[in-house]
Amino acid sequence: MDNKVLGNKGEQAAATYLTQHGYRICARNFRVPVGEIDIIAERDDVLAFVEVKTRRGLRCGFPAQAVTYYKQQKIIQTARWYLRQRHLEDRCLCRFDVIEVYVHSGDKWEIRHIPGAFET
């Protein structure tokens, strides 16, 4: 399985996880000129902008470590676009989450959700 397919499956697993945990998926792969957000989901009047990182192992470190300061800034800018487009500035609570998806042998997936992984 190549990295693109792995990433897509990881995002689907993350979306399923969020739905099973009471989130409503508002958007997936939201793209604007400044960047992309994998999943935007809402629960309990909080809008979560979620970056999904899928890995086969820990050889390169924990998946959340790949969400660098530069990547965080791109996600924050993209979130601002989303909020402006929907006239939600100052109207809802927001946070930035990371979901780590680990692929184990066979078809076993492990998910680690990190709410509030970084802040603006």
PDB file of N, CA and C in Angstrom:
ATOM      1  N   MET A   1       0.854  -1.170   0.000  1.00  0.00           N
ATOM      2  CA  MET A   1       0.000   0.000   0.000  1.00  0.00           C
ATOM      3  C   MET A   1       0.902   1.236   0.000  1.00  0.00           C
ATOM      4  N   ASP A   2       0.712   2.124  -0.980  1.00  0.00           N
ATOM      5  CA  ASP A   2       1.553   3.323  -1.034  1.00  0.00           C
ATOM      6  C   ASP A   2       1.081   4.360  -0.004  1.00  0.00           C
ATOM      7  N   ASN A   3       1.887   5.391   0.183  1.00  0.00           N
ATOM      8  CA  ASN A   3       1.612   6.369   1.236  1.00  0.00           C
ATOM      9  C   ASN A   3       0.311   7.128   1.028  1.00  0.00           C
ATOM     10  N   LYS A   4      -0.048   7.416  -0.220  1.00  0.00           N
ATOM     11  CA  LYS A   4      -1.296   8.141  -0.515  1.00  0.00           C
ATOM     12  C   LYS A   4      -2.501   7.304  -0.094  1.00  0.00           C
ATOM     13  N   VAL A   5      -2.498   6.035  -0.465  1.00  0.00           N
ATOM     14  CA  VAL A   5      -3.588   5.128  -0.091  1.00  0.00           C
ATOM     15  C   VAL A   5      -3.630   4.970   1.428  1.00  0.00           C
ATOM     16  N   LEU A   6      -2.455   4.803   2.037  1.00  0.00           N
ATOM     17  CA  LEU A   6      -2.372   4.672   3.491  1.00  0.00           C
ATOM     18  C   LEU A   6      -2.952   5.910   4.174  1.00  0.00           C
ATOM     19  N   GLY A   7      -2.582   7.089   3.688  1.00  0.00           N
ATOM     20  CA  GLY A   7      -3.094   8.335   4.251  1.00  0.00           C
ATOM     21  C   GLY A   7      -4.598   8.459   4.124  1.00  0.00           C
ATOM     22  N   ASN A   8      -5.130   8.095   2.960  1.00  0.00           N
ATOM     23  CA  ASN A   8      -6.579   8.156   2.745  1.00  0.00           C
ATOM     24  C   ASN A   8      -7.313   7.202   3.679  1.00  0.00           C
ATOM     25  N   LYS A   9      -6.784   6.001   3.837  1.00  0.00           N
ATOM     26  CA  LYS A   9      -7.411   5.036   4.747  1.00  0.00           C
ATOM     27  C   LYS A   9      -7.322   5.517   6.192  1.00  0.00           C
ATOM     28  N   GLY A  10      -6.204   6.126   6.545  1.00  0.00           N
ATOM     29  CA  GLY A  10      -6.044   6.676   7.883  1.00  0.00           C
ATOM     30  C   GLY A  10      -7.042   7.789   8.156  1.00  0.00           C
ATOM     31  N   GLU A  11      -7.263   8.665   7.177  1.00  0.00           N
ATOM     32  CA  GLU A  11      -8.249   9.739   7.332  1.00  0.00           C
ATOM     33  C   GLU A  11      -9.659   9.167   7.475  1.00  0.00           C
ATOM     34  N   GLN A  12      -9.957   8.128   6.711  1.00  0.00           N
ATOM     35  CA  GLN A  12     -11.277   7.501   6.839  1.00  0.00           C
ATOM     36  C   GLN A  12     -11.439   6.872   8.222  1.00  0.00           C
ATOM     37  N   ALA A  13     -10.402   6.216   8.709  1.00  0.00           N
ATOM     38  CA  ALA A  13     -10.454   5.621  10.052  1.00  0.00           C
ATOM     39  C   ALA A  13     -10.649   6.709  11.107  1.00  0.00           C
ATOM     40  N   ALA A  14      -9.973   7.845  10.939  1.00  0.00           N
ATOM     41  CA  ALA A  14     -10.109   8.957  11.887  1.00  0.00           C
ATOM     42  C   ALA A  14     -11.515   9.532  11.853  1.00  0.00           C
ATOM     43  N   ALA A  15     -12.089   9.696  10.664  1.00  0.00           N
ATOM     44  CA  ALA A  15     -13.453  10.221  10.540  1.00  0.00           C
ATOM     45  C   ALA A  15     -14.453   9.272  11.187  1.00  0.00           C
ATOM     46  N   THR A  16     -14.268   7.978  10.988  1.00  0.00           N
ATOM     47  CA  THR A  16     -15.142   6.981  11.612  1.00  0.00           C
ATOM     48  C   THR A  16     -15.019   7.053  13.126  1.00  0.00           C
ATOM     49  N   TYR A  17     -13.796   7.157  13.618  1.00  0.00           N
ATOM     50  CA  TYR A  17     -13.552   7.278  15.061  1.00  0.00           C
ATOM     51  C   TYR A  17     -14.283   8.490  15.629  1.00  0.00           C
ATOM     52  N   LEU A  18     -14.133   9.634  14.972  1.00  0.00           N
ATOM     53  CA  LEU A  18     -14.775  10.851  15.464  1.00  0.00           C
ATOM     54  C   LEU A  18     -16.299  10.698  15.492  1.00  0.00           C
ATOM     55  N   THR A  19     -16.864  10.150  14.437  1.00  0.00           N
ATOM     56  CA  THR A  19     -18.316   9.942  14.373  1.00  0.00           C
ATOM     57  C   THR A  19     -18.773   9.024  15.502  1.00  0.00           C
ATOM     58  N   GLN A  20     -18.027   7.966  15.742  1.00  0.00           N
ATOM     59  CA  GLN A  20     -18.375   7.029  16.817  1.00  0.00           C
ATOM     60  C   GLN A  20     -18.266   7.666  18.195  1.00  0.00           C
ATOM     61  N   HIS A  21     -17.509   8.753  18.291  1.00  0.00           N
ATOM     62  CA  HIS A  21     -17.342   9.443  19.565  1.00  0.00           C
ATOM     63  C   HIS A  21     -18.167  10.734  19.643  1.00  0.00           C
ATOM     64  N   GLY A  22     -19.213  10.799  18.842  1.00  0.00           N
ATOM     65  CA  GLY A  22     -20.193  11.879  18.963  1.00  0.00           C
ATOM     66  C   GLY A  22     -19.909  13.140  18.175  1.00  0.00           C
ATOM     67  N   TYR A  23     -18.920  13.127  17.313  1.00  0.00           N
ATOM     68  CA  TYR A  23     -18.630  14.293  16.486  1.00  0.00           C
ATOM     69  C   TYR A  23     -19.466  14.258  15.207  1.00  0.00           C
ATOM     70  N   ARG A  24     -19.779  15.439  14.709  1.00  0.00           N
ATOM     71  CA  ARG A  24     -20.420  15.575  13.401  1.00  0.00           C
ATOM     72  C   ARG A  24     -19.347  16.097  12.453  1.00  0.00           C
ATOM     73  N   ILE A  25     -19.124  15.384  11.359  1.00  0.00           N
ATOM     74  CA  ILE A  25     -18.111  15.800  10.391  1.00  0.00           C
ATOM     75  C   ILE A  25     -18.692  16.949   9.563  1.00  0.00           C
ATOM     76  N   CYS A  26     -18.039  18.097   9.613  1.00  0.00           N
ATOM     77  CA  CYS A  26     -18.480  19.278   8.869  1.00  0.00           C
ATOM     78  C   CYS A  26     -17.818  19.355   7.499  1.00  0.00           C
ATOM     79  N   ALA A  27     -16.562  18.931   7.414  1.00  0.00           N
ATOM     80  CA  ALA A  27     -15.825  18.979   6.146  1.00  0.00           C
ATOM     81  C   ALA A  27     -14.640  18.028   6.226  1.00  0.00           C
ATOM     82  N   ARG A  28     -14.272  17.546   5.045  1.00  0.00           N
ATOM     83  CA  ARG A  28     -13.065  16.724   4.924  1.00  0.00           C
ATOM     84  C   ARG A  28     -12.226  17.289   3.799  1.00  0.00           C
ATOM     85  N   ASN A  29     -10.935  17.288   4.001  1.00  0.00           N
ATOM     86  CA  ASN A  29      -9.984  17.797   3.005  1.00  0.00           C
ATOM     87  C   ASN A  29     -10.361  19.203   2.537  1.00  0.00           C
ATOM     88  N   PHE A  30     -10.595  20.089   3.502  1.00  0.00           N
ATOM     89  CA  PHE A  30     -10.933  21.474   3.206  1.00  0.00           C
ATOM     90  C   PHE A  30      -9.677  22.176   2.701  1.00  0.00           C
ATOM     91  N   ARG A  31      -9.736  22.669   1.452  1.00  0.00           N
ATOM     92  CA  ARG A  31      -8.566  23.289   0.815  1.00  0.00           C
ATOM     93  C   ARG A  31      -8.847  24.736   0.430  1.00  0.00           C
ATOM     94  N   VAL A  32      -7.881  25.570   0.710  1.00  0.00           N
ATOM     95  CA  VAL A  32      -7.864  26.958   0.260  1.00  0.00           C
ATOM     96  C   VAL A  32      -6.425  27.270  -0.153  1.00  0.00           C
ATOM     97  N   PRO A  33      -6.168  28.436  -0.741  1.00  0.00           N
ATOM     98  CA  PRO A  33      -4.809  28.705  -1.223  1.00  0.00           C
ATOM     99  C   PRO A  33      -3.699  28.567  -0.166  1.00  0.00           C
ATOM    100  N   VAL A  34      -4.008  28.799   1.111  1.00  0.00           N
ATOM    101  CA  VAL A  34      -2.948  28.738   2.129  1.00  0.00           C
ATOM    102  C   VAL A  34      -2.706  27.346   2.684  1.00  0.00           C
ATOM    103  N   GLY A  35      -3.629  26.404   2.469  1.00  0.00           N
ATOM    104  CA  GLY A  35      -3.407  25.070   3.019  1.00  0.00           C
ATOM    105  C   GLY A  35      -4.635  24.185   2.994  1.00  0.00           C
ATOM    106  N   GLU A  36      -4.538  23.098   3.757  1.00  0.00           N
ATOM    107  CA  GLU A  36      -5.606  22.095   3.820  1.00  0.00           C
ATOM    108  C   GLU A  36      -5.771  21.616   5.255  1.00  0.00           C
ATOM    109  N   ILE A  37      -7.013  21.316   5.590  1.00  0.00           N
ATOM    110  CA  ILE A  37      -7.314  20.689   6.879  1.00  0.00           C
ATOM    111  C   ILE A  37      -7.963  19.347   6.567  1.00  0.00           C
ATOM    112  N   ASP A  38      -7.462  18.291   7.194  1.00  0.00           N
ATOM    113  CA  ASP A  38      -7.954  16.949   6.897  1.00  0.00           C
ATOM    114  C   ASP A  38      -9.425  16.780   7.268  1.00  0.00           C
ATOM    115  N   ILE A  39      -9.772  17.122   8.507  1.00  0.00           N
ATOM    116  CA  ILE A  39     -11.146  16.939   8.979  1.00  0.00           C
ATOM    117  C   ILE A  39     -11.530  18.145   9.841  1.00  0.00           C
ATOM    118  N   ILE A  40     -12.743  18.620   9.627  1.00  0.00           N
ATOM    119  CA  ILE A  40     -13.326  19.640  10.509  1.00  0.00           C
ATOM    120  C   ILE A  40     -14.567  18.995  11.098  1.00  0.00           C
ATOM    121  N   ALA A  41     -14.616  18.930  12.425  1.00  0.00           N
ATOM    122  CA  ALA A  41     -15.706  18.223  13.099  1.00  0.00           C
ATOM    123  C   ALA A  41     -16.205  19.052  14.274  1.00  0.00           C
ATOM    124  N   GLU A  42     -17.463  18.809  14.647  1.00  0.00           N
ATOM    125  CA  GLU A  42     -18.076  19.569  15.735  1.00  0.00           C
ATOM    126  C   GLU A  42     -18.684  18.627  16.768  1.00  0.00           C
ATOM    127  N   ARG A  43     -18.509  18.989  18.033  1.00  0.00           N
ATOM    128  CA  ARG A  43     -19.154  18.278  19.138  1.00  0.00           C
ATOM    129  C   ARG A  43     -19.259  19.243  20.308  1.00  0.00           C
ATOM    130  N   ASP A  44     -20.407  19.236  20.946  1.00  0.00           N
ATOM    131  CA  ASP A  44     -20.630  20.080  22.125  1.00  0.00           C
ATOM    132  C   ASP A  44     -20.273  21.543  21.860  1.00  0.00           C
ATOM    133  N   ASP A  45     -20.696  22.062  20.712  1.00  0.00           N
ATOM    134  CA  ASP A  45     -20.470  23.463  20.335  1.00  0.00           C
ATOM    135  C   ASP A  45     -19.001  23.845  20.223  1.00  0.00           C
ATOM    136  N   VAL A  46     -18.139  22.862  20.022  1.00  0.00           N
ATOM    137  CA  VAL A  46     -16.711  23.126  19.778  1.00  0.00           C
ATOM    138  C   VAL A  46     -16.371  22.615  18.386  1.00  0.00           C
ATOM    139  N   LEU A  47     -15.727  23.481  17.605  1.00  0.00           N
ATOM    140  CA  LEU A  47     -15.305  23.115  16.262  1.00  0.00           C
ATOM    141  C   LEU A  47     -13.851  22.655  16.336  1.00  0.00           C
ATOM    142  N   ALA A  48     -13.598  21.427  15.925  1.00  0.00           N
ATOM    143  CA  ALA A  48     -12.248  20.851  15.969  1.00  0.00           C
ATOM    144  C   ALA A  48     -11.672  20.788  14.559  1.00  0.00           C
ATOM    145  N   PHE A  49     -10.513  21.396  14.385  1.00  0.00           N
ATOM    146  CA  PHE A  49      -9.770  21.315  13.134  1.00  0.00           C
ATOM    147  C   PHE A  49      -8.733  20.216  13.350  1.00  0.00           C
ATOM    148  N   VAL A  50      -8.867  19.126  12.593  1.00  0.00           N
ATOM    149  CA  VAL A  50      -8.121  17.902  12.896  1.00  0.00           C
ATOM    150  C   VAL A  50      -7.103  17.585  11.800  1.00  0.00           C
ATOM    151  N   GLU A  51      -5.859  17.428  12.208  1.00  0.00           N
ATOM    152  CA  GLU A  51      -4.795  16.949  11.327  1.00  0.00           C
ATOM    153  C   GLU A  51      -4.606  15.464  11.610  1.00  0.00           C
ATOM    154  N   VAL A  52      -4.642  14.647  10.569  1.00  0.00           N
ATOM    155  CA  VAL A  52      -4.513  13.200  10.715  1.00  0.00           C
ATOM    156  C   VAL A  52      -3.136  12.781  10.201  1.00  0.00           C
ATOM    157  N   LYS A  53      -2.428  12.015  11.014  1.00  0.00           N
ATOM    158  CA  LYS A  53      -1.123  11.483  10.622  1.00  0.00           C
ATOM    159  C   LYS A  53      -1.157   9.972  10.775  1.00  0.00           C
ATOM    160  N   THR A  54      -0.898   9.278   9.689  1.00  0.00           N
ATOM    161  CA  THR A  54      -0.953   7.816   9.669  1.00  0.00           C
ATOM    162  C   THR A  54       0.459   7.265   9.477  1.00  0.00           C
ATOM    163  N   ARG A  55       0.795   6.267  10.285  1.00  0.00           N
ATOM    164  CA  ARG A  55       2.127   5.661  10.212  1.00  0.00           C
ATOM    165  C   ARG A  55       2.036   4.140  10.356  1.00  0.00           C
ATOM    166  N   ARG A  56       3.022   3.488   9.776  1.00  0.00           N
ATOM    167  CA  ARG A  56       3.144   2.031   9.920  1.00  0.00           C
ATOM    168  C   ARG A  56       3.944   1.662  11.161  1.00  0.00           C
ATOM    169  N   GLY A  57       4.739   2.587  11.659  1.00  0.00           N
ATOM    170  CA  GLY A  57       5.578   2.316  12.825  1.00  0.00           C
ATOM    171  C   GLY A  57       6.117   3.603  13.395  1.00  0.00           C
ATOM    172  N   LEU A  58       6.996   3.478  14.373  1.00  0.00           N
ATOM    173  CA  LEU A  58       7.539   4.650  15.055  1.00  0.00           C
ATOM    174  C   LEU A  58       8.979   4.960  14.645  1.00  0.00           C
ATOM    175  N   ARG A  59       9.425   4.373  13.561  1.00  0.00           N
ATOM    176  CA  ARG A  59      10.798   4.580  13.104  1.00  0.00           C
ATOM    177  C   ARG A  59      11.130   6.068  12.954  1.00  0.00           C
ATOM    178  N   CYS A  60      10.146   6.848  12.514  1.00  0.00           N
ATOM    179  CA  CYS A  60      10.367   8.289  12.309  1.00  0.00           C
ATOM    180  C   CYS A  60       9.802   9.122  13.454  1.00  0.00           C
ATOM    181  N   GLY A  61       9.495   8.475  14.577  1.00  0.00           N
ATOM    182  CA  GLY A  61       8.931   9.187  15.723  1.00  0.00           C
ATOM    183  C   GLY A  61       7.416   9.100  15.743  1.00  0.00           C
ATOM    184  N   PHE A  62       6.833   9.729  16.729  1.00  0.00           N
ATOM    185  CA  PHE A  62       5.379   9.726  16.850  1.00  0.00           C
ATOM    186  C   PHE A  62       4.772  10.567  15.729  1.00  0.00           C
ATOM    187  N   PRO A  63       3.652  10.147  15.191  1.00  0.00           N
ATOM    188  CA  PRO A  63       3.038  10.892  14.085  1.00  0.00           C
ATOM    189  C   PRO A  63       2.789  12.365  14.404  1.00  0.00           C
ATOM    190  N   ALA A  64       2.363  12.673  15.624  1.00  0.00           N
ATOM    191  CA  ALA A  64       2.070  14.068  15.982  1.00  0.00           C
ATOM    192  C   ALA A  64       3.316  14.951  15.877  1.00  0.00           C
ATOM    193  N   GLN A  65       4.493  14.361  15.986  1.00  0.00           N
ATOM    194  CA  GLN A  65       5.723  15.143  15.868  1.00  0.00           C
ATOM    195  C   GLN A  65       5.911  15.712  14.467  1.00  0.00           C
ATOM    196  N   ALA A  66       5.218  15.138  13.494  1.00  0.00           N
ATOM    197  CA  ALA A  66       5.299  15.634  12.120  1.00  0.00           C
ATOM    198  C   ALA A  66       4.477  16.904  11.921  1.00  0.00           C
ATOM    199  N   VAL A  67       3.678  17.270  12.911  1.00  0.00           N
ATOM    200  CA  VAL A  67       2.897  18.508  12.826  1.00  0.00           C
ATOM    201  C   VAL A  67       3.766  19.619  13.416  1.00  0.00           C
ATOM    202  N   THR A  68       4.659  20.098  12.591  1.00  0.00           N
ATOM    203  CA  THR A  68       5.646  21.097  12.998  1.00  0.00           C
ATOM    204  C   THR A  68       4.993  22.464  13.213  1.00  0.00           C
ATOM    205  N   TYR A  69       5.766  23.379  13.757  1.00  0.00           N
ATOM    206  CA  TYR A  69       5.271  24.741  13.956  1.00  0.00           C
ATOM    207  C   TYR A  69       4.789  25.327  12.627  1.00  0.00           C
ATOM    208  N   TYR A  70       5.551  25.127  11.549  1.00  0.00           N
ATOM    209  CA  TYR A  70       5.176  25.630  10.228  1.00  0.00           C
ATOM    210  C   TYR A  70       3.840  25.031   9.786  1.00  0.00           C
ATOM    211  N   LYS A  71       3.677  23.730   9.956  1.00  0.00           N
ATOM    212  CA  LYS A  71       2.417  23.063   9.590  1.00  0.00           C
ATOM    213  C   LYS A  71       1.269  23.589  10.458  1.00  0.00           C
ATOM    214  N   GLN A  72       1.515  23.793  11.728  1.00  0.00           N
ATOM    215  CA  GLN A  72       0.494  24.337  12.623  1.00  0.00           C
ATOM    216  C   GLN A  72       0.029  25.709  12.137  1.00  0.00           C
ATOM    217  N   GLN A  73       0.970  26.543  11.719  1.00  0.00           N
ATOM    218  CA  GLN A  73       0.607  27.879  11.240  1.00  0.00           C
ATOM    219  C   GLN A  73      -0.241  27.809   9.981  1.00  0.00           C
ATOM    220  N   LYS A  74       0.055  26.878   9.093  1.00  0.00           N
ATOM    221  CA  LYS A  74      -0.755  26.695   7.883  1.00  0.00           C
ATOM    222  C   LYS A  74      -2.174  26.229   8.242  1.00  0.00           C
ATOM    223  N   ILE A  75      -2.280  25.331   9.208  1.00  0.00           N
ATOM    224  CA  ILE A  75      -3.591  24.846   9.644  1.00  0.00           C
ATOM    225  C   ILE A  75      -4.390  25.992  10.269  1.00  0.00           C
ATOM    226  N   ILE A  76      -3.738  26.805  11.089  1.00  0.00           N
ATOM    227  CA  ILE A  76      -4.407  27.945  11.725  1.00  0.00           C
ATOM    228  C   ILE A  76      -4.908  28.930  10.668  1.00  0.00           C
ATOM    229  N   GLN A  77      -4.078  29.244   9.680  1.00  0.00           N
ATOM    230  CA  GLN A  77      -4.498  30.155   8.606  1.00  0.00           C
ATOM    231  C   GLN A  77      -5.669  29.575   7.817  1.00  0.00           C
ATOM    232  N   THR A  78      -5.620  28.289   7.553  1.00  0.00           N
ATOM    233  CA  THR A  78      -6.703  27.629   6.812  1.00  0.00           C
ATOM    234  C   THR A  78      -7.986  27.637   7.632  1.00  0.00           C
ATOM    235  N   ALA A  79      -7.872  27.417   8.928  1.00  0.00           N
ATOM    236  CA  ALA A  79      -9.043  27.462   9.818  1.00  0.00           C
ATOM    237  C   ALA A  79      -9.675  28.850   9.792  1.00  0.00           C
ATOM    238  N   ARG A  80      -8.856  29.882   9.753  1.00  0.00           N
ATOM    239  CA  ARG A  80      -9.391  31.250   9.678  1.00  0.00           C
ATOM    240  C   ARG A  80     -10.197  31.452   8.402  1.00  0.00           C
ATOM    241  N   TRP A  81      -9.715  30.903   7.289  1.00  0.00           N
ATOM    242  CA  TRP A  81     -10.477  30.974   6.035  1.00  0.00           C
ATOM    243  C   TRP A  81     -11.824  30.296   6.211  1.00  0.00           C
ATOM    244  N   TYR A  82     -11.815  29.109   6.783  1.00  0.00           N
ATOM    245  CA  TYR A  82     -13.060  28.353   6.985  1.00  0.00           C
ATOM    246  C   TYR A  82     -14.044  29.177   7.816  1.00  0.00           C
ATOM    247  N   LEU A  83     -13.574  29.746   8.901  1.00  0.00           N
ATOM    248  CA  LEU A  83     -14.440  30.527   9.784  1.00  0.00           C
ATOM    249  C   LEU A  83     -14.975  31.768   9.071  1.00  0.00           C
ATOM    250  N   ARG A  84     -14.114  32.449   8.300  1.00  0.00           N
ATOM    251  CA  ARG A  84     -14.563  33.640   7.554  1.00  0.00           C
ATOM    252  C   ARG A  84     -15.602  33.281   6.500  1.00  0.00           C
ATOM    253  N   GLN A  85     -15.359  32.208   5.766  1.00  0.00           N
ATOM    254  CA  GLN A  85     -16.291  31.800   4.708  1.00  0.00           C
ATOM    255  C   GLN A  85     -17.680  31.496   5.254  1.00  0.00           C
ATOM    256  N   ARG A  86     -17.739  31.009   6.474  1.00  0.00           N
ATOM    257  CA  ARG A  86     -19.015  30.620   7.084  1.00  0.00           C
ATOM    258  C   ARG A  86     -19.518  31.634   8.114  1.00  0.00           C
ATOM    259  N   HIS A  87     -18.857  32.782   8.160  1.00  0.00           N
ATOM    260  CA  HIS A  87     -19.238  33.865   9.086  1.00  0.00           C
ATOM    261  C   HIS A  87     -19.318  33.369  10.529  1.00  0.00           C
ATOM    262  N   LEU A  88     -18.301  32.618  10.933  1.00  0.00           N
ATOM    263  CA  LEU A  88     -18.261  32.035  12.272  1.00  0.00           C
ATOM    264  C   LEU A  88     -17.206  32.673  13.176  1.00  0.00           C
ATOM    265  N   GLU A  89     -16.503  33.694  12.680  1.00  0.00           N
ATOM    266  CA  GLU A  89     -15.493  34.329  13.523  1.00  0.00           C
ATOM    267  C   GLU A  89     -16.157  34.796  14.813  1.00  0.00           C
ATOM    268  N   ASP A  90     -15.529  34.545  15.914  1.00  0.00           N
ATOM    269  CA  ASP A  90     -16.012  34.974  17.237  1.00  0.00           C
ATOM    270  C   ASP A  90     -17.387  34.412  17.587  1.00  0.00           C
ATOM    271  N   ARG A  91     -17.836  33.376  16.889  1.00  0.00           N
ATOM    272  CA  ARG A  91     -19.160  32.807  17.167  1.00  0.00           C
ATOM    273  C   ARG A  91     -19.096  31.377  17.675  1.00  0.00           C
ATOM    274  N   CYS A  92     -17.907  30.796  17.694  1.00  0.00           N
ATOM    275  CA  CYS A  92     -17.819  29.421  18.183  1.00  0.00           C
ATOM    276  C   CYS A  92     -16.449  29.184  18.810  1.00  0.00           C
ATOM    277  N   LEU A  93     -16.403  28.194  19.675  1.00  0.00           N
ATOM    278  CA  LEU A  93     -15.133  27.775  20.265  1.00  0.00           C
ATOM    279  C   LEU A  93     -14.434  26.849  19.276  1.00  0.00           C
ATOM    280  N   CYS A  94     -13.148  27.017  19.159  1.00  0.00           N
ATOM    281  CA  CYS A  94     -12.367  26.199  18.226  1.00  0.00           C
ATOM    282  C   CYS A  94     -11.172  25.601  18.942  1.00  0.00           C
ATOM    283  N   ARG A  95     -10.706  24.482  18.409  1.00  0.00           N
ATOM    284  CA  ARG A  95      -9.462  23.906  18.899  1.00  0.00           C
ATOM    285  C   ARG A  95      -8.810  23.137  17.752  1.00  0.00           C
ATOM    286  N   PHE A  96      -7.544  22.816  17.957  1.00  0.00           N
ATOM    287  CA  PHE A  96      -6.756  22.125  16.941  1.00  0.00           C
ATOM    288  C   PHE A  96      -6.315  20.783  17.500  1.00  0.00           C
ATOM    289  N   ASP A  97      -6.779  19.718  16.857  1.00  0.00           N
ATOM    290  CA  ASP A  97      -6.507  18.350  17.298  1.00  0.00           C
ATOM    291  C   ASP A  97      -5.569  17.656  16.323  1.00  0.00           C
ATOM    292  N   VAL A  98      -4.918  16.628  16.811  1.00  0.00           N
ATOM    293  CA  VAL A  98      -4.171  15.709  15.955  1.00  0.00           C
ATOM    294  C   VAL A  98      -4.702  14.316  16.250  1.00  0.00           C
ATOM    295  N   ILE A  99      -4.912  13.550  15.206  1.00  0.00           N
ATOM    296  CA  ILE A  99      -5.243  12.135  15.364  1.00  0.00           C
ATOM    297  C   ILE A  99      -4.110  11.331  14.736  1.00  0.00           C
ATOM    298  N   GLU A 100      -3.503  10.503  15.581  1.00  0.00           N
ATOM    299  CA  GLU A 100      -2.472   9.580  15.112  1.00  0.00           C
ATOM    300  C   GLU A 100      -3.144   8.255  14.790  1.00  0.00           C
ATOM    301  N   VAL A 101      -2.869   7.750  13.604  1.00  0.00           N
ATOM    302  CA  VAL A 101      -3.400   6.451  13.192  1.00  0.00           C
ATOM    303  C   VAL A 101      -2.207   5.530  12.958  1.00  0.00           C
ATOM    304  N   TYR A 102      -2.188   4.432  13.693  1.00  0.00           N
ATOM    305  CA  TYR A 102      -1.124   3.443  13.562  1.00  0.00           C
ATOM    306  C   TYR A 102      -1.683   2.222  12.847  1.00  0.00           C
ATOM    307  N   VAL A 103      -0.960   1.759  11.847  1.00  0.00           N
ATOM    308  CA  VAL A 103      -1.351   0.563  11.124  1.00  0.00           C
ATOM    309  C   VAL A 103      -0.465  -0.573  11.620  1.00  0.00           C
ATOM    310  N   HIS A 104      -1.105  -1.579  12.173  1.00  0.00           N
ATOM    311  CA  HIS A 104      -0.374  -2.754  12.643  1.00  0.00           C
ATOM    312  C   HIS A 104      -0.511  -3.866  11.600  1.00  0.00           C
ATOM    313  N   SER A 105       0.172  -4.957  11.816  1.00  0.00           N
ATOM    314  CA  SER A 105       0.118  -6.059  10.859  1.00  0.00           C
ATOM    315  C   SER A 105      -1.323  -6.464  10.588  1.00  0.00           C
ATOM    316  N   GLY A 106      -1.547  -6.861   9.357  1.00  0.00           N
ATOM    317  CA  GLY A 106      -2.914  -7.196   8.961  1.00  0.00           C
ATOM    318  C   GLY A 106      -3.701  -5.928   8.738  1.00  0.00           C
ATOM    319  N   ASP A 107      -4.930  -5.921   9.178  1.00  0.00           N
ATOM    320  CA  ASP A 107      -5.800  -4.767   8.970  1.00  0.00           C
ATOM    321  C   ASP A 107      -6.178  -4.125  10.298  1.00  0.00           C
ATOM    322  N   LYS A 108      -5.281  -4.209  11.292  1.00  0.00           N
ATOM    323  CA  LYS A 108      -5.570  -3.655  12.614  1.00  0.00           C
ATOM    324  C   LYS A 108      -5.093  -2.202  12.682  1.00  0.00           C
ATOM    325  N   TRP A 109      -5.998  -1.307  13.102  1.00  0.00           N
ATOM    326  CA  TRP A 109      -5.704   0.113  13.203  1.00  0.00           C
ATOM    327  C   TRP A 109      -5.799   0.533  14.664  1.00  0.00           C
ATOM    328  N   GLU A 110      -4.885   1.371  15.076  1.00  0.00           N
ATOM    329  CA  GLU A 110      -4.924   1.942  16.425  1.00  0.00           C
ATOM    330  C   GLU A 110      -4.998   3.457  16.272  1.00  0.00           C
ATOM    331  N   ILE A 111      -5.898   4.088  17.026  1.00  0.00           N
ATOM    332  CA  ILE A 111      -6.098   5.526  16.902  1.00  0.00           C
ATOM    333  C   ILE A 111      -5.828   6.203  18.233  1.00  0.00           C
ATOM    334  N   ARG A 112      -5.076   7.293  18.177  1.00  0.00           N
ATOM    335  CA  ARG A 112      -4.802   8.113  19.358  1.00  0.00           C
ATOM    336  C   ARG A 112      -5.231   9.540  19.036  1.00  0.00           C
ATOM    337  N   HIS A 113      -6.239  10.022  19.741  1.00  0.00           N
ATOM    338  CA  HIS A 113      -6.784  11.361  19.522  1.00  0.00           C
ATOM    339  C   HIS A 113      -6.153  12.302  20.544  1.00  0.00           C
ATOM    340  N   ILE A 114      -5.582  13.397  20.048  1.00  0.00           N
ATOM    341  CA  ILE A 114      -4.958  14.398  20.919  1.00  0.00           C
ATOM    342  C   ILE A 114      -5.731  15.713  20.771  1.00  0.00           C
ATOM    343  N   PRO A 115      -6.772  15.907  21.595  1.00  0.00           N
ATOM    344  CA  PRO A 115      -7.536  17.170  21.536  1.00  0.00           C
ATOM    345  C   PRO A 115      -6.660  18.330  22.011  1.00  0.00           C
ATOM    346  N   GLY A 116      -6.803  19.466  21.345  1.00  0.00           N
ATOM    347  CA  GLY A 116      -6.033  20.639  21.752  1.00  0.00           C
ATOM    348  C   GLY A 116      -4.531  20.427  21.636  1.00  0.00           C
ATOM    349  N   ALA A 117      -4.103  19.777  20.570  1.00  0.00           N
ATOM    350  CA  ALA A 117      -2.678  19.441  20.387  1.00  0.00           C
ATOM    351  C   ALA A 117      -1.804  20.689  20.263  1.00  0.00           C
ATOM    352  N   PHE A 118      -2.367  21.759  19.745  1.00  0.00           N
ATOM    353  CA  PHE A 118      -1.647  23.042  19.667  1.00  0.00           C
ATOM    354  C   PHE A 118      -2.656  24.169  19.691  1.00  0.00           C
ATOM    355  N   GLU A 119      -2.155  25.375  19.925  1.00  0.00           N
ATOM    356  CA  GLU A 119      -3.017  26.552  20.071  1.00  0.00           C
ATOM    357  C   GLU A 119      -2.575  27.664  19.152  1.00  0.00           C
ATOM    358  N   THR A 120      -3.467  28.641  18.991  1.00  0.00           N
ATOM    359  CA  THR A 120      -3.125  29.799  18.156  1.00  0.00           C
ATOM    360  C   THR A 120      -2.284  30.775  18.926  1.00  0.00           C
TER     361      THR A 120
END
